[in-house]
């Protein structure tokens, strides 16, 4: 009996160590699988968000287009496009500044 005690203790200790190792391995394996699943779901969510962003950008560009705005302004608001100017005047900057100085000197 005395000889079997150390062997029984060693066997029990080895059994506990193997059990702890096996449970740790299974726990780590399950955690890795869970993290991989989360990674795949996150990539899908990211891809979905990118597609939604692209769709919203396309809608924004459609709603913001000049043709659409002009059509709404003409049909719903009754606005009319301004015709091309009939007459344009060209005045030099120096002439404007000279006239401005004369006016300022009169009223000072």
C-alpha atoms as a PDB file:
ATOM      1  CA  UNK A   1       0.000   0.000   0.000  1.00  0.00           C
ATOM      2  CA  UNK A   2       2.785   2.397   0.819  1.00  0.00           C
ATOM      3  CA  UNK A   3       4.284   2.000  -2.613  1.00  0.00           C
ATOM      4  CA  UNK A   4       1.021   2.782  -4.390  1.00  0.00           C
ATOM      5  CA  UNK A   5       0.453   6.149  -2.664  1.00  0.00           C
ATOM      6  CA  UNK A   6       3.105   8.077  -4.602  1.00  0.00           C
ATOM      7  CA  UNK A   7       1.978   6.427  -7.822  1.00  0.00           C
ATOM      8  CA  UNK A   8      -1.664   7.249  -7.055  1.00  0.00           C
ATOM      9  CA  UNK A   9      -0.736  10.869  -6.208  1.00  0.00           C
ATOM     10  CA  UNK A  10       1.342  11.173  -9.379  1.00  0.00           C
ATOM     11  CA  UNK A  11      -1.469   9.631 -11.445  1.00  0.00           C
ATOM     12  CA  UNK A  12      -4.047  11.938  -9.885  1.00  0.00           C
ATOM     13  CA  UNK A  13      -1.829  14.984 -10.445  1.00  0.00           C
ATOM     14  CA  UNK A  14      -1.219  13.953 -14.057  1.00  0.00           C
ATOM     15  CA  UNK A  15      -4.945  13.401 -14.601  1.00  0.00           C
ATOM     16  CA  UNK A  16      -5.782  16.841 -13.188  1.00  0.00           C
ATOM     17  CA  UNK A  17      -3.070  18.456 -15.336  1.00  0.00           C
ATOM     18  CA  UNK A  18      -4.339  16.724 -18.490  1.00  0.00           C
ATOM     19  CA  UNK A  19      -7.925  17.721 -17.655  1.00  0.00           C
ATOM     20  CA  UNK A  20      -6.921  21.352 -17.105  1.00  0.00           C
ATOM     21  CA  UNK A  21      -4.919  21.304 -20.356  1.00  0.00           C
ATOM     22  CA  UNK A  22      -7.846  19.788 -22.303  1.00  0.00           C
ATOM     23  CA  UNK A  23     -10.362  22.249 -20.849  1.00  0.00           C
ATOM     24  CA  UNK A  24      -8.028  25.171 -21.546  1.00  0.00           C
ATOM     25  CA  UNK A  25      -7.530  23.971 -25.133  1.00  0.00           C
ATOM     26  CA  UNK A  26     -11.268  23.640 -25.706  1.00  0.00           C
ATOM     27  CA  UNK A  27     -11.924  27.046 -24.108  1.00  0.00           C
ATOM     28  CA  UNK A  28      -9.259  28.774 -26.215  1.00  0.00           C
ATOM     29  CA  UNK A  29     -10.492  27.004 -29.361  1.00  0.00           C
ATOM     30  CA  UNK A  30     -14.077  28.161 -28.708  1.00  0.00           C
ATOM     31  CA  UNK A  31     -12.896  31.713 -28.042  1.00  0.00           C
ATOM     32  CA  UNK A  32     -10.893  31.726 -31.301  1.00  0.00           C
ATOM     33  CA  UNK A  33     -13.920  30.518 -33.258  1.00  0.00           C
ATOM     34  CA  UNK A  34     -16.067  33.174 -31.606  1.00  0.00           C
ATOM     35  CA  UNK A  35     -13.548  35.881 -32.512  1.00  0.00           C
ATOM     36  CA  UNK A  36     -13.353  34.644 -36.109  1.00  0.00           C
ATOM     37  CA  UNK A  37     -17.154  34.748 -36.322  1.00  0.00           C
ATOM     38  CA  UNK A  38     -17.142  38.306 -34.916  1.00  0.00           C
ATOM     39  CA  UNK A  39     -14.499  39.262 -37.475  1.00  0.00           C
ATOM     40  CA  UNK A  40     -16.594  37.932 -40.364  1.00  0.00           C
ATOM     41  CA  UNK A  41     -19.714  39.701 -39.075  1.00  0.00           C
ATOM     42  CA  UNK A  42     -17.756  42.949 -38.648  1.00  0.00           C
ATOM     43  CA  UNK A  43     -16.472  42.724 -42.226  1.00  0.00           C
ATOM     44  CA  UNK A  44     -20.010  42.146 -43.490  1.00  0.00           C
ATOM     45  CA  UNK A  45     -21.278  45.115 -41.484  1.00  0.00           C
ATOM     46  CA  UNK A  46     -18.437  47.270 -42.816  1.00  0.00           C
ATOM     47  CA  UNK A  47     -19.188  46.223 -46.380  1.00  0.00           C
ATOM     48  CA  UNK A  48     -22.875  46.948 -45.837  1.00  0.00           C
ATOM     49  CA  UNK A  49     -22.057  50.376 -44.393  1.00  0.00           C
ATOM     50  CA  UNK A  50     -19.796  51.154 -47.363  1.00  0.00           C
ATOM     51  CA  UNK A  51     -22.578  50.194 -49.783  1.00  0.00           C
ATOM     52  CA  UNK A  52     -25.064  52.347 -47.865  1.00  0.00           C
ATOM     53  CA  UNK A  53     -22.620  55.264 -47.969  1.00  0.00           C
ATOM     54  CA  UNK A  54     -22.202  54.811 -51.717  1.00  0.00           C
ATOM     55  CA  UNK A  55     -25.982  54.731 -52.190  1.00  0.00           C
ATOM     56  CA  UNK A  56     -26.428  57.869 -50.098  1.00  0.00           C
ATOM     57  CA  UNK A  57     -23.703  59.659 -52.056  1.00  0.00           C
ATOM     58  CA  UNK A  58     -25.427  58.733 -55.326  1.00  0.00           C
ATOM     59  CA  UNK A  59     -28.796  59.951 -53.978  1.00  0.00           C
ATOM     60  CA  UNK A  60     -27.203  63.187 -52.793  1.00  0.00           C
ATOM     61  CA  UNK A  61     -25.657  63.804 -56.193  1.00  0.00           C
ATOM     62  CA  UNK A  62     -28.971  63.073 -57.891  1.00  0.00           C
ATOM     63  CA  UNK A  63     -30.911  65.400 -55.589  1.00  0.00           C
ATOM     64  CA  UNK A  64     -28.230  68.077 -55.833  1.00  0.00           C
ATOM     65  CA  UNK A  65     -27.940  68.068 -59.633  1.00  0.00           C
ATOM     66  CA  UNK A  66     -28.425  71.349 -61.448  1.00  0.00           C
ATOM     67  CA  UNK A  67     -30.900  69.871 -63.942  1.00  0.00           C
ATOM     68  CA  UNK A  68     -33.226  68.699 -61.162  1.00  0.00           C
ATOM     69  CA  UNK A  69     -33.027  71.975 -59.265  1.00  0.00           C
ATOM     70  CA  UNK A  70     -33.698  74.031 -62.409  1.00  0.00           C
ATOM     71  CA  UNK A  71     -36.650  71.806 -63.345  1.00  0.00           C
ATOM     72  CA  UNK A  72     -38.194  72.166 -59.873  1.00  0.00           C
ATOM     73  CA  UNK A  73     -37.597  75.917 -59.842  1.00  0.00           C
ATOM     74  CA  UNK A  74     -39.293  76.325 -63.215  1.00  0.00           C
ATOM     75  CA  UNK A  75     -42.209  73.918 -62.758  1.00  0.00           C
ATOM     76  CA  UNK A  76     -43.091  74.239 -59.067  1.00  0.00           C
ATOM     77  CA  UNK A  77     -41.931  77.756 -58.250  1.00  0.00           C
ATOM     78  CA  UNK A  78     -42.629  79.370 -61.619  1.00  0.00           C
ATOM     79  CA  UNK A  79     -39.142  80.794 -61.911  1.00  0.00           C
ATOM     80  CA  UNK A  80     -37.699  81.755 -65.271  1.00  0.00           C
ATOM     81  CA  UNK A  81     -34.106  81.479 -66.370  1.00  0.00           C
ATOM     82  CA  UNK A  82     -32.440  84.815 -66.718  1.00  0.00           C
ATOM     83  CA  UNK A  83     -31.768  85.586 -70.368  1.00  0.00           C
ATOM     84  CA  UNK A  84     -28.296  86.573 -71.451  1.00  0.00           C
ATOM     85  CA  UNK A  85     -27.491  90.219 -70.669  1.00  0.00           C
ATOM     86  CA  UNK A  86     -28.276  92.593 -73.495  1.00  0.00           C
ATOM     87  CA  UNK A  87     -25.649  95.152 -72.574  1.00  0.00           C
ATOM     88  CA  UNK A  88     -22.396  94.905 -70.655  1.00  0.00           C
ATOM     89  CA  UNK A  89     -20.353  97.790 -69.461  1.00  0.00           C
ATOM     90  CA  UNK A  90     -16.623  97.641 -68.925  1.00  0.00           C
ATOM     91  CA  UNK A  91     -15.026 100.208 -66.637  1.00  0.00           C
ATOM     92  CA  UNK A  92     -11.418 100.298 -65.529  1.00  0.00           C
ATOM     93  CA  UNK A  93     -10.556  99.990 -61.861  1.00  0.00           C
ATOM     94  CA  UNK A  94      -8.541 103.219 -61.937  1.00  0.00           C
ATOM     95  CA  UNK A  95     -11.552 105.194 -63.169  1.00  0.00           C
ATOM     96  CA  UNK A  96     -13.738 103.778 -60.377  1.00  0.00           C
ATOM     97  CA  UNK A  97     -11.114 104.612 -57.749  1.00  0.00           C
ATOM     98  CA  UNK A  98     -10.712 108.152 -59.117  1.00  0.00           C
ATOM     99  CA  UNK A  99     -14.471 108.772 -59.019  1.00  0.00           C
ATOM    100  CA  UNK A 100     -14.655 107.323 -55.512  1.00  0.00           C
ATOM    101  CA  UNK A 101     -11.895 109.691 -54.328  1.00  0.00           C
ATOM    102  CA  UNK A 102     -13.700 112.678 -55.841  1.00  0.00           C
ATOM    103  CA  UNK A 103     -16.962 111.717 -54.115  1.00  0.00           C
ATOM    104  CA  UNK A 104     -15.208 111.160 -50.776  1.00  0.00           C
ATOM    105  CA  UNK A 105     -13.416 114.492 -51.022  1.00  0.00           C
ATOM    106  CA  UNK A 106     -16.734 116.294 -51.717  1.00  0.00           C
ATOM    107  CA  UNK A 107     -18.433 114.929 -48.632  1.00  0.00           C
ATOM    108  CA  UNK A 108     -15.538 115.323 -46.228  1.00  0.00           C
END
